[in-house]
C-alpha atoms as a PDB file:
ATOM      1  CA  UNK A   1     -25.176 -26.912  17.566  1.00  0.00           C
ATOM      2  CA  UNK A   2     -27.554 -24.201  16.438  1.00  0.00           C
ATOM      3  CA  UNK A   3     -30.320 -25.494  14.179  1.00  0.00           C
ATOM      4  CA  UNK A   4     -30.812 -22.197  12.389  1.00  0.00           C
ATOM      5  CA  UNK A   5     -32.477 -22.005   8.992  1.00  0.00           C
ATOM      6  CA  UNK A   6     -31.326 -19.792   6.141  1.00  0.00           C
ATOM      7  CA  UNK A   7     -34.803 -18.246   6.052  1.00  0.00           C
ATOM      8  CA  UNK A   8     -34.497 -17.182   9.689  1.00  0.00           C
ATOM      9  CA  UNK A   9     -31.142 -15.570   9.004  1.00  0.00           C
ATOM     10  CA  UNK A  10     -32.528 -13.839   5.895  1.00  0.00           C
ATOM     11  CA  UNK A  11     -35.472 -12.430   7.858  1.00  0.00           C
ATOM     12  CA  UNK A  12     -33.218 -11.349  10.717  1.00  0.00           C
ATOM     13  CA  UNK A  13     -30.694  -9.684   8.359  1.00  0.00           C
ATOM     14  CA  UNK A  14     -33.466  -7.683   6.679  1.00  0.00           C
ATOM     15  CA  UNK A  15     -34.944  -6.563  10.016  1.00  0.00           C
ATOM     16  CA  UNK A  16     -31.469  -5.693  11.343  1.00  0.00           C
ATOM     17  CA  UNK A  17     -30.589  -3.708   8.209  1.00  0.00           C
ATOM     18  CA  UNK A  18     -33.825  -1.697   8.313  1.00  0.00           C
ATOM     19  CA  UNK A  19     -34.177  -1.743  12.137  1.00  0.00           C
ATOM     20  CA  UNK A  20     -37.834  -2.343  11.380  1.00  0.00           C
ATOM     21  CA  UNK A  21     -39.928  -5.521  11.315  1.00  0.00           C
ATOM     22  CA  UNK A  22     -42.512  -3.864   9.068  1.00  0.00           C
ATOM     23  CA  UNK A  23     -39.956  -2.842   6.431  1.00  0.00           C
ATOM     24  CA  UNK A  24     -38.472  -6.335   6.508  1.00  0.00           C
ATOM     25  CA  UNK A  25     -41.952  -7.755   5.937  1.00  0.00           C
ATOM     26  CA  UNK A  26     -42.445  -5.546   2.877  1.00  0.00           C
ATOM     27  CA  UNK A  27     -39.013  -6.391   1.469  1.00  0.00           C
ATOM     28  CA  UNK A  28     -39.483 -10.150   1.918  1.00  0.00           C
ATOM     29  CA  UNK A  29     -43.197 -10.221   1.032  1.00  0.00           C
ATOM     30  CA  UNK A  30     -44.137 -11.551   4.469  1.00  0.00           C
ATOM     31  CA  UNK A  31     -46.621 -10.461   7.084  1.00  0.00           C
ATOM     32  CA  UNK A  32     -45.243  -8.572  10.079  1.00  0.00           C
ATOM     33  CA  UNK A  33     -46.342 -11.377  12.460  1.00  0.00           C
ATOM     34  CA  UNK A  34     -44.462 -13.780  10.175  1.00  0.00           C
ATOM     35  CA  UNK A  35     -41.272 -11.730  10.576  1.00  0.00           C
ATOM     36  CA  UNK A  36     -41.749 -11.556  14.344  1.00  0.00           C
ATOM     37  CA  UNK A  37     -42.255 -15.322  14.548  1.00  0.00           C
ATOM     38  CA  UNK A  38     -39.068 -16.086  12.601  1.00  0.00           C
ATOM     39  CA  UNK A  39     -37.021 -13.757  14.793  1.00  0.00           C
ATOM     40  CA  UNK A  40     -38.528 -15.157  18.024  1.00  0.00           C
ATOM     41  CA  UNK A  41     -37.617 -18.670  16.900  1.00  0.00           C
ATOM     42  CA  UNK A  42     -34.061 -17.493  16.145  1.00  0.00           C
ATOM     43  CA  UNK A  43     -33.812 -15.783  19.557  1.00  0.00           C
ATOM     44  CA  UNK A  44     -35.037 -18.982  21.235  1.00  0.00           C
ATOM     45  CA  UNK A  45     -32.246 -20.970  19.580  1.00  0.00           C
ATOM     46  CA  UNK A  46     -29.619 -18.329  20.378  1.00  0.00           C
ATOM     47  CA  UNK A  47     -30.900 -18.039  23.927  1.00  0.00           C
ATOM     48  CA  UNK A  48     -30.715 -14.241  24.043  1.00  0.00           C
ATOM     49  CA  UNK A  49     -32.530 -11.209  22.670  1.00  0.00           C
ATOM     50  CA  UNK A  50     -31.317  -9.910  19.326  1.00  0.00           C
ATOM     51  CA  UNK A  51     -33.207  -6.603  19.452  1.00  0.00           C
ATOM     52  CA  UNK A  52     -34.084  -4.142  22.162  1.00  0.00           C
ATOM     53  CA  UNK A  53     -36.744  -1.436  22.027  1.00  0.00           C
ATOM     54  CA  UNK A  54     -35.953   2.086  23.226  1.00  0.00           C
ATOM     55  CA  UNK A  55     -38.943   4.370  22.913  1.00  0.00           C
ATOM     56  CA  UNK A  56     -40.565   3.712  19.559  1.00  0.00           C
ATOM     57  CA  UNK A  57     -37.364   2.442  17.888  1.00  0.00           C
ATOM     58  CA  UNK A  58     -35.632  -0.925  17.933  1.00  0.00           C
ATOM     59  CA  UNK A  59     -31.882  -1.459  18.046  1.00  0.00           C
ATOM     60  CA  UNK A  60     -29.582  -4.466  17.826  1.00  0.00           C
ATOM     61  CA  UNK A  61     -28.218  -5.864  21.063  1.00  0.00           C
ATOM     62  CA  UNK A  62     -24.580  -6.866  21.319  1.00  0.00           C
ATOM     63  CA  UNK A  63     -25.564 -10.448  20.554  1.00  0.00           C
ATOM     64  CA  UNK A  64     -27.685  -9.198  17.663  1.00  0.00           C
ATOM     65  CA  UNK A  65     -24.677  -7.452  16.122  1.00  0.00           C
ATOM     66  CA  UNK A  66     -22.667 -10.691  16.302  1.00  0.00           C
ATOM     67  CA  UNK A  67     -25.492 -12.684  14.696  1.00  0.00           C
ATOM     68  CA  UNK A  68     -25.767 -10.014  11.972  1.00  0.00           C
ATOM     69  CA  UNK A  69     -22.060 -10.318  11.134  1.00  0.00           C
ATOM     70  CA  UNK A  70     -22.414 -14.106  10.950  1.00  0.00           C
ATOM     71  CA  UNK A  71     -25.556 -13.794   8.789  1.00  0.00           C
ATOM     72  CA  UNK A  72     -23.794 -11.491   6.337  1.00  0.00           C
ATOM     73  CA  UNK A  73     -20.800 -13.837   6.157  1.00  0.00           C
ATOM     74  CA  UNK A  74     -23.071 -16.804   5.426  1.00  0.00           C
ATOM     75  CA  UNK A  75     -24.939 -14.802   2.768  1.00  0.00           C
ATOM     76  CA  UNK A  76     -21.636 -13.900   1.106  1.00  0.00           C
ATOM     77  CA  UNK A  77     -20.564 -17.550   1.153  1.00  0.00           C
ATOM     78  CA  UNK A  78     -23.780 -18.433  -0.671  1.00  0.00           C
ATOM     79  CA  UNK A  79     -23.040 -15.740  -3.261  1.00  0.00           C
ATOM     80  CA  UNK A  80     -19.537 -17.171  -3.682  1.00  0.00           C
ATOM     81  CA  UNK A  81     -21.059 -20.641  -4.069  1.00  0.00           C
ATOM     82  CA  UNK A  82     -23.382 -19.337  -6.780  1.00  0.00           C
ATOM     83  CA  UNK A  83     -20.399 -17.744  -8.532  1.00  0.00           C
ATOM     84  CA  UNK A  84     -18.517 -21.041  -8.346  1.00  0.00           C
ATOM     85  CA  UNK A  85     -21.460 -22.927  -9.805  1.00  0.00           C
ATOM     86  CA  UNK A  86     -21.691 -20.319 -12.546  1.00  0.00           C
ATOM     87  CA  UNK A  87     -17.983 -20.848 -13.167  1.00  0.00           C
ATOM     88  CA  UNK A  88     -18.695 -24.510 -13.798  1.00  0.00           C
ATOM     89  CA  UNK A  89     -21.424 -23.555 -16.289  1.00  0.00           C
ATOM     90  CA  UNK A  90     -19.198 -20.990 -18.018  1.00  0.00           C
ATOM     91  CA  UNK A  91     -20.854 -17.713 -19.016  1.00  0.00           C
ATOM     92  CA  UNK A  92     -24.247 -19.193 -19.888  1.00  0.00           C
ATOM     93  CA  UNK A  93     -25.900 -18.154 -16.618  1.00  0.00           C
ATOM     94  CA  UNK A  94     -23.390 -15.743 -15.125  1.00  0.00           C
ATOM     95  CA  UNK A  95     -24.280 -12.580 -13.225  1.00  0.00           C
ATOM     96  CA  UNK A  96     -22.225  -9.412 -12.861  1.00  0.00           C
ATOM     97  CA  UNK A  97     -22.614  -6.204 -10.857  1.00  0.00           C
ATOM     98  CA  UNK A  98     -20.620  -3.209 -12.104  1.00  0.00           C
ATOM     99  CA  UNK A  99     -20.402   0.109 -10.296  1.00  0.00           C
ATOM    100  CA  UNK A 100     -19.372   3.283 -12.107  1.00  0.00           C
ATOM    101  CA  UNK A 101     -19.004   6.922 -11.202  1.00  0.00           C
ATOM    102  CA  UNK A 102     -21.348   9.106 -13.228  1.00  0.00           C
ATOM    103  CA  UNK A 103     -18.522  10.549 -15.347  1.00  0.00           C
ATOM    104  CA  UNK A 104     -17.653   7.069 -16.601  1.00  0.00           C
ATOM    105  CA  UNK A 105     -21.259   6.121 -17.383  1.00  0.00           C
ATOM    106  CA  UNK A 106     -21.047   7.618 -20.898  1.00  0.00           C
ATOM    107  CA  UNK A 107     -18.273   5.196 -21.784  1.00  0.00           C
ATOM    108  CA  UNK A 108     -19.441   2.290 -19.589  1.00  0.00           C
ATOM    109  CA  UNK A 109     -22.848   1.883 -21.223  1.00  0.00           C
ATOM    110  CA  UNK A 110     -21.295   1.475 -24.664  1.00  0.00           C
ATOM    111  CA  UNK A 111     -18.714  -0.931 -23.260  1.00  0.00           C
ATOM    112  CA  UNK A 112     -21.370  -3.070 -21.578  1.00  0.00           C
ATOM    113  CA  UNK A 113     -23.405  -3.089 -24.776  1.00  0.00           C
ATOM    114  CA  UNK A 114     -20.459  -4.530 -26.705  1.00  0.00           C
ATOM    115  CA  UNK A 115     -19.751  -7.058 -23.937  1.00  0.00           C
ATOM    116  CA  UNK A 116     -23.376  -8.215 -24.016  1.00  0.00           C
ATOM    117  CA  UNK A 117     -23.150  -8.773 -27.754  1.00  0.00           C
ATOM    118  CA  UNK A 118     -20.432 -11.340 -27.075  1.00  0.00           C
ATOM    119  CA  UNK A 119     -22.023 -12.751 -23.900  1.00  0.00           C
ATOM    120  CA  UNK A 120     -25.815 -12.246 -24.193  1.00  0.00           C
ATOM    121  CA  UNK A 121     -26.659 -14.673 -21.368  1.00  0.00           C
ATOM    122  CA  UNK A 122     -24.773 -12.739 -18.682  1.00  0.00           C
ATOM    123  CA  UNK A 123     -27.078 -10.750 -16.379  1.00  0.00           C
ATOM    124  CA  UNK A 124     -25.555  -7.332 -15.658  1.00  0.00           C
ATOM    125  CA  UNK A 125     -26.513  -4.841 -12.973  1.00  0.00           C
ATOM    126  CA  UNK A 126     -25.064  -1.334 -13.464  1.00  0.00           C
ATOM    127  CA  UNK A 127     -24.905   1.043 -10.495  1.00  0.00           C
ATOM    128  CA  UNK A 128     -24.209   4.695 -11.404  1.00  0.00           C
ATOM    129  CA  UNK A 129     -23.287   6.664  -8.278  1.00  0.00           C
ATOM    130  CA  UNK A 130     -20.795   9.274  -7.086  1.00  0.00           C
ATOM    131  CA  UNK A 131     -17.275   8.428  -5.914  1.00  0.00           C
ATOM    132  CA  UNK A 132     -18.037   8.229  -2.179  1.00  0.00           C
ATOM    133  CA  UNK A 133     -21.036   5.950  -2.729  1.00  0.00           C
ATOM    134  CA  UNK A 134     -19.020   3.691  -5.040  1.00  0.00           C
ATOM    135  CA  UNK A 135     -16.214   3.364  -2.486  1.00  0.00           C
ATOM    136  CA  UNK A 136     -18.856   2.361   0.083  1.00  0.00           C
ATOM    137  CA  UNK A 137     -20.253  -0.258  -2.312  1.00  0.00           C
ATOM    138  CA  UNK A 138     -16.758  -1.661  -2.840  1.00  0.00           C
ATOM    139  CA  UNK A 139     -16.156  -1.738   0.921  1.00  0.00           C
ATOM    140  CA  UNK A 140     -19.439  -3.611   1.427  1.00  0.00           C
ATOM    141  CA  UNK A 141     -18.643  -6.030  -1.429  1.00  0.00           C
ATOM    142  CA  UNK A 142     -21.811  -4.928  -3.267  1.00  0.00           C
ATOM    143  CA  UNK A 143     -20.160  -4.720  -6.691  1.00  0.00           C
ATOM    144  CA  UNK A 144     -17.846  -7.104  -8.516  1.00  0.00           C
ATOM    145  CA  UNK A 145     -15.954  -4.401 -10.389  1.00  0.00           C
ATOM    146  CA  UNK A 146     -15.903  -0.618 -10.473  1.00  0.00           C
ATOM    147  CA  UNK A 147     -14.927   1.907 -13.129  1.00  0.00           C
ATOM    148  CA  UNK A 148     -13.749   5.133 -11.513  1.00  0.00           C
ATOM    149  CA  UNK A 149     -10.807   7.413 -10.884  1.00  0.00           C
ATOM    150  CA  UNK A 150      -7.841   6.001  -8.982  1.00  0.00           C
ATOM    151  CA  UNK A 151      -8.882   4.306  -5.754  1.00  0.00           C
ATOM    152  CA  UNK A 152      -7.453   5.846  -2.567  1.00  0.00           C
ATOM    153  CA  UNK A 153      -4.778   4.048  -0.589  1.00  0.00           C
ATOM    154  CA  UNK A 154      -5.740   2.087   2.491  1.00  0.00           C
ATOM    155  CA  UNK A 155      -9.089   0.763   1.247  1.00  0.00           C
ATOM    156  CA  UNK A 156      -7.895  -2.804   0.474  1.00  0.00           C
ATOM    157  CA  UNK A 157      -8.531  -2.217  -3.228  1.00  0.00           C
ATOM    158  CA  UNK A 158      -6.642  -3.000  -6.421  1.00  0.00           C
ATOM    159  CA  UNK A 159      -6.731  -0.393  -9.172  1.00  0.00           C
ATOM    160  CA  UNK A 160      -5.639  -0.793 -12.827  1.00  0.00           C
ATOM    161  CA  UNK A 161      -5.615   2.230 -15.188  1.00  0.00           C
ATOM    162  CA  UNK A 162      -7.377   1.581 -18.476  1.00  0.00           C
ATOM    163  CA  UNK A 163      -8.155   4.919 -20.154  1.00  0.00           C
ATOM    164  CA  UNK A 164      -7.190   8.584 -20.070  1.00  0.00           C
ATOM    165  CA  UNK A 165      -9.782  10.936 -18.605  1.00  0.00           C
ATOM    166  CA  UNK A 166      -8.767  14.530 -19.411  1.00  0.00           C
ATOM    167  CA  UNK A 167     -10.640  17.233 -17.486  1.00  0.00           C
ATOM    168  CA  UNK A 168     -11.420  20.394 -19.440  1.00  0.00           C
ATOM    169  CA  UNK A 169     -13.006  23.784 -18.809  1.00  0.00           C
ATOM    170  CA  UNK A 170     -16.316  24.164 -20.635  1.00  0.00           C
ATOM    171  CA  UNK A 171     -18.371  27.241 -21.499  1.00  0.00           C
ATOM    172  CA  UNK A 172     -21.502  27.945 -23.564  1.00  0.00           C
ATOM    173  CA  UNK A 173     -20.931  27.831 -27.307  1.00  0.00           C
ATOM    174  CA  UNK A 174     -20.163  31.366 -28.459  1.00  0.00           C
ATOM    175  CA  UNK A 175     -18.717  32.422 -25.082  1.00  0.00           C
ATOM    176  CA  UNK A 176     -16.374  35.462 -25.420  1.00  0.00           C
ATOM    177  CA  UNK A 177     -13.398  33.330 -24.303  1.00  0.00           C
ATOM    178  CA  UNK A 178     -14.120  30.432 -26.663  1.00  0.00           C
ATOM    179  CA  UNK A 179     -11.769  31.666 -29.408  1.00  0.00           C
ATOM    180  CA  UNK A 180      -8.946  32.847 -27.164  1.00  0.00           C
ATOM    181  CA  UNK A 181      -5.699  30.880 -26.714  1.00  0.00           C
ATOM    182  CA  UNK A 182      -3.754  30.287 -23.496  1.00  0.00           C
ATOM    183  CA  UNK A 183      -6.326  31.885 -21.216  1.00  0.00           C
ATOM    184  CA  UNK A 184      -4.703  32.754 -17.906  1.00  0.00           C
ATOM    185  CA  UNK A 185      -5.884  30.912 -14.794  1.00  0.00           C
ATOM    186  CA  UNK A 186      -6.148  34.241 -13.003  1.00  0.00           C
ATOM    187  CA  UNK A 187      -8.760  35.266 -15.552  1.00  0.00           C
ATOM    188  CA  UNK A 188     -10.708  32.024 -15.213  1.00  0.00           C
ATOM    189  CA  UNK A 189     -11.037  32.154 -11.431  1.00  0.00           C
ATOM    190  CA  UNK A 190     -12.869  35.463 -11.729  1.00  0.00           C
ATOM    191  CA  UNK A 191     -15.824  33.641 -13.329  1.00  0.00           C
ATOM    192  CA  UNK A 192     -18.640  31.776 -11.576  1.00  0.00           C
ATOM    193  CA  UNK A 193     -18.292  28.000 -11.704  1.00  0.00           C
ATOM    194  CA  UNK A 194     -20.857  25.215 -11.666  1.00  0.00           C
ATOM    195  CA  UNK A 195     -19.172  22.378  -9.753  1.00  0.00           C
ATOM    196  CA  UNK A 196     -19.761  18.781  -8.797  1.00  0.00           C
ATOM    197  CA  UNK A 197     -20.636  18.026  -5.186  1.00  0.00           C
ATOM    198  CA  UNK A 198     -17.875  17.672  -2.546  1.00  0.00           C
ATOM    199  CA  UNK A 199     -16.563  14.108  -2.610  1.00  0.00           C
ATOM    200  CA  UNK A 200     -16.702  13.884  -6.396  1.00  0.00           C
ATOM    201  CA  UNK A 201     -13.448  12.826  -8.034  1.00  0.00           C
ATOM    202  CA  UNK A 202     -13.736  15.625 -10.607  1.00  0.00           C
ATOM    203  CA  UNK A 203     -14.362  18.210  -7.872  1.00  0.00           C
ATOM    204  CA  UNK A 204     -11.393  16.963  -5.857  1.00  0.00           C
ATOM    205  CA  UNK A 205      -8.988  16.984  -8.823  1.00  0.00           C
ATOM    206  CA  UNK A 206     -10.125  20.479  -9.833  1.00  0.00           C
ATOM    207  CA  UNK A 207      -9.659  21.910  -6.344  1.00  0.00           C
ATOM    208  CA  UNK A 208      -6.210  20.327  -5.996  1.00  0.00           C
ATOM    209  CA  UNK A 209      -5.180  21.801  -9.370  1.00  0.00           C
ATOM    210  CA  UNK A 210      -6.205  25.362  -8.500  1.00  0.00           C
ATOM    211  CA  UNK A 211      -4.857  25.139  -4.940  1.00  0.00           C
ATOM    212  CA  UNK A 212      -1.486  24.116  -6.384  1.00  0.00           C
ATOM    213  CA  UNK A 213      -1.553  27.436  -8.275  1.00  0.00           C
ATOM    214  CA  UNK A 214      -2.554  29.371  -5.147  1.00  0.00           C
ATOM    215  CA  UNK A 215      -6.108  29.964  -6.375  1.00  0.00           C
ATOM    216  CA  UNK A 216      -9.642  29.104  -5.307  1.00  0.00           C
ATOM    217  CA  UNK A 217     -12.621  28.618  -7.599  1.00  0.00           C
ATOM    218  CA  UNK A 218     -15.694  30.767  -7.128  1.00  0.00           C
ATOM    219  CA  UNK A 219     -18.326  28.036  -6.920  1.00  0.00           C
ATOM    220  CA  UNK A 220     -21.715  29.576  -7.626  1.00  0.00           C
ATOM    221  CA  UNK A 221     -23.659  26.302  -7.879  1.00  0.00           C
ATOM    222  CA  UNK A 222     -23.138  22.655  -6.916  1.00  0.00           C
ATOM    223  CA  UNK A 223     -24.782  19.746  -8.737  1.00  0.00           C
ATOM    224  CA  UNK A 224     -24.398  15.978  -8.410  1.00  0.00           C
ATOM    225  CA  UNK A 225     -25.121  15.059 -12.034  1.00  0.00           C
ATOM    226  CA  UNK A 226     -23.032  15.819 -15.110  1.00  0.00           C
ATOM    227  CA  UNK A 227     -26.142  16.214 -17.253  1.00  0.00           C
ATOM    228  CA  UNK A 228     -27.418  18.974 -14.970  1.00  0.00           C
ATOM    229  CA  UNK A 229     -24.009  20.675 -14.992  1.00  0.00           C
ATOM    230  CA  UNK A 230     -23.846  20.687 -18.797  1.00  0.00           C
ATOM    231  CA  UNK A 231     -27.348  22.142 -19.017  1.00  0.00           C
ATOM    232  CA  UNK A 232     -26.456  24.822 -16.452  1.00  0.00           C
ATOM    233  CA  UNK A 233     -23.324  25.815 -18.377  1.00  0.00           C
ATOM    234  CA  UNK A 234     -25.250  25.893 -21.640  1.00  0.00           C
ATOM    235  CA  UNK A 235     -27.800  28.179 -19.959  1.00  0.00           C
ATOM    236  CA  UNK A 236     -25.018  30.617 -19.031  1.00  0.00           C
ATOM    237  CA  UNK A 237     -24.966  29.951 -15.285  1.00  0.00           C
ATOM    238  CA  UNK A 238     -21.182  29.594 -15.177  1.00  0.00           C
ATOM    239  CA  UNK A 239     -18.153  27.675 -16.398  1.00  0.00           C
ATOM    240  CA  UNK A 240     -17.346  24.143 -15.278  1.00  0.00           C
ATOM    241  CA  UNK A 241     -14.652  21.468 -15.296  1.00  0.00           C
ATOM    242  CA  UNK A 242     -15.796  18.102 -16.658  1.00  0.00           C
ATOM    243  CA  UNK A 243     -14.421  15.036 -18.393  1.00  0.00           C
ATOM    244  CA  UNK A 244     -13.728  15.576 -22.077  1.00  0.00           C
ATOM    245  CA  UNK A 245     -15.569  12.320 -22.747  1.00  0.00           C
ATOM    246  CA  UNK A 246     -18.745  13.680 -21.138  1.00  0.00           C
ATOM    247  CA  UNK A 247     -19.270  16.507 -23.654  1.00  0.00           C
ATOM    248  CA  UNK A 248     -18.725  14.804 -27.017  1.00  0.00           C
ATOM    249  CA  UNK A 249     -22.306  15.257 -28.196  1.00  0.00           C
ATOM    250  CA  UNK A 250     -22.626  18.835 -26.936  1.00  0.00           C
ATOM    251  CA  UNK A 251     -19.430  19.864 -28.716  1.00  0.00           C
ATOM    252  CA  UNK A 252     -20.583  18.290 -31.989  1.00  0.00           C
ATOM    253  CA  UNK A 253     -23.953  20.042 -31.684  1.00  0.00           C
ATOM    254  CA  UNK A 254     -22.281  23.434 -30.977  1.00  0.00           C
ATOM    255  CA  UNK A 255     -23.982  23.694 -27.602  1.00  0.00           C
ATOM    256  CA  UNK A 256     -20.790  23.838 -25.515  1.00  0.00           C
ATOM    257  CA  UNK A 257     -17.172  24.831 -26.112  1.00  0.00           C
ATOM    258  CA  UNK A 258     -13.880  23.832 -24.485  1.00  0.00           C
ATOM    259  CA  UNK A 259     -11.818  26.794 -23.333  1.00  0.00           C
ATOM    260  CA  UNK A 260      -8.084  26.833 -24.029  1.00  0.00           C
ATOM    261  CA  UNK A 261      -6.906  27.460 -20.472  1.00  0.00           C
ATOM    262  CA  UNK A 262      -3.272  27.288 -19.399  1.00  0.00           C
ATOM    263  CA  UNK A 263      -2.494  24.065 -17.546  1.00  0.00           C
ATOM    264  CA  UNK A 264      -5.528  22.261 -18.973  1.00  0.00           C
ATOM    265  CA  UNK A 265      -6.544  19.591 -19.571  1.00  0.00           C
ATOM    266  CA  UNK A 266      -5.926  18.067 -16.157  1.00  0.00           C
ATOM    267  CA  UNK A 267      -4.506  14.642 -16.967  1.00  0.00           C
ATOM    268  CA  UNK A 268      -6.298  11.866 -15.122  1.00  0.00           C
ATOM    269  CA  UNK A 269      -7.089   8.234 -15.810  1.00  0.00           C
ATOM    270  CA  UNK A 270     -10.020   5.946 -15.293  1.00  0.00           C
ATOM    271  CA  UNK A 271      -9.291   2.765 -13.377  1.00  0.00           C
ATOM    272  CA  UNK A 272     -10.726  -0.717 -13.145  1.00  0.00           C
ATOM    273  CA  UNK A 273     -11.110  -1.277  -9.393  1.00  0.00           C
ATOM    274  CA  UNK A 274     -12.004  -4.271  -7.245  1.00  0.00           C
ATOM    275  CA  UNK A 275     -11.450  -5.521  -3.738  1.00  0.00           C
ATOM    276  CA  UNK A 276      -8.061  -7.082  -3.161  1.00  0.00           C
ATOM    277  CA  UNK A 277      -8.204 -10.901  -3.286  1.00  0.00           C
ATOM    278  CA  UNK A 278     -11.739 -10.706  -4.701  1.00  0.00           C
ATOM    279  CA  UNK A 279     -12.982 -14.043  -6.038  1.00  0.00           C
ATOM    280  CA  UNK A 280     -13.902 -13.356  -9.652  1.00  0.00           C
ATOM    281  CA  UNK A 281     -16.694 -15.321 -11.280  1.00  0.00           C
ATOM    282  CA  UNK A 282     -16.192 -16.283 -14.915  1.00  0.00           C
ATOM    283  CA  UNK A 283     -18.430 -13.341 -15.875  1.00  0.00           C
ATOM    284  CA  UNK A 284     -16.459 -10.832 -13.779  1.00  0.00           C
ATOM    285  CA  UNK A 285     -13.129 -12.122 -15.072  1.00  0.00           C
ATOM    286  CA  UNK A 286     -14.381 -11.967 -18.678  1.00  0.00           C
ATOM    287  CA  UNK A 287     -15.631  -8.406 -18.220  1.00  0.00           C
ATOM    288  CA  UNK A 288     -12.358  -7.248 -16.616  1.00  0.00           C
ATOM    289  CA  UNK A 289     -10.392  -8.678 -19.528  1.00  0.00           C
ATOM    290  CA  UNK A 290     -12.865  -7.145 -21.971  1.00  0.00           C
ATOM    291  CA  UNK A 291     -12.421  -3.665 -20.459  1.00  0.00           C
ATOM    292  CA  UNK A 292      -8.637  -3.818 -20.671  1.00  0.00           C
ATOM    293  CA  UNK A 293      -8.576  -5.127 -24.245  1.00  0.00           C
ATOM    294  CA  UNK A 294     -11.496  -3.214 -25.769  1.00  0.00           C
ATOM    295  CA  UNK A 295     -10.767   0.236 -24.413  1.00  0.00           C
ATOM    296  CA  UNK A 296      -8.077   0.940 -26.984  1.00  0.00           C
ATOM    297  CA  UNK A 297     -10.751   0.649 -29.678  1.00  0.00           C
ATOM    298  CA  UNK A 298     -12.711   3.477 -28.054  1.00  0.00           C
ATOM    299  CA  UNK A 299      -9.927   6.036 -27.549  1.00  0.00           C
END
């Protein structure tokens, strides 16, 4: 039987993730010799090398990759144990990690604020990223729940729609097309567009919509933040397609306008997403129920 300590596995996992003893030392607040000693002790118990050095870089050996998988599984079991213990305590000391795509962040922050009013002891971590990064976090079990567009098939995910997310064409307030009705798509595609980065759910839905009509957008600029896109449109750098929920304040302040374009808005929905068969803590279960029951008060 291997007499391995959790500390040794923690040190090894950090070094394996960074492929650097020095970075692991910084992350764990240890000295580099301390990291080396822990890993040498682990290698002695395993009976084989876990790392190999090629040039100035280190890499995991085949045995190292197996130990890393086991270390990550043990770490996840400890997280599950903590969740179970939190379940026994109720929501008094619960923790919750929520991932959202940037488009949803406008709504998610208000939702979390209301949830915290009911459950002030729950510790919440909010990750705001793009769609591809959020799918990676779900795949790596780094978030309990995600708020995003519909999850793709084949990713071992469960997805429940909870709110409409209409996509609209925006322009600067006072744009020549702002007062026109039923603007033809053929007229719109002649304009420059400020678009989200490839991989964004909004970008993908927009491209599919125009391709279905045999058209291609003229993308003049790409940006990975909705705030930057709204500022660029307001500055006259082009039109854009964004969530209607993302421009509420700008519309009220007469900084942006929604164009009345044929076929728009593009009807989409936001979804509550999690890994299939995910063990929900009391906090995660309470938040999921809160999202599905509270959203109707926001629409």
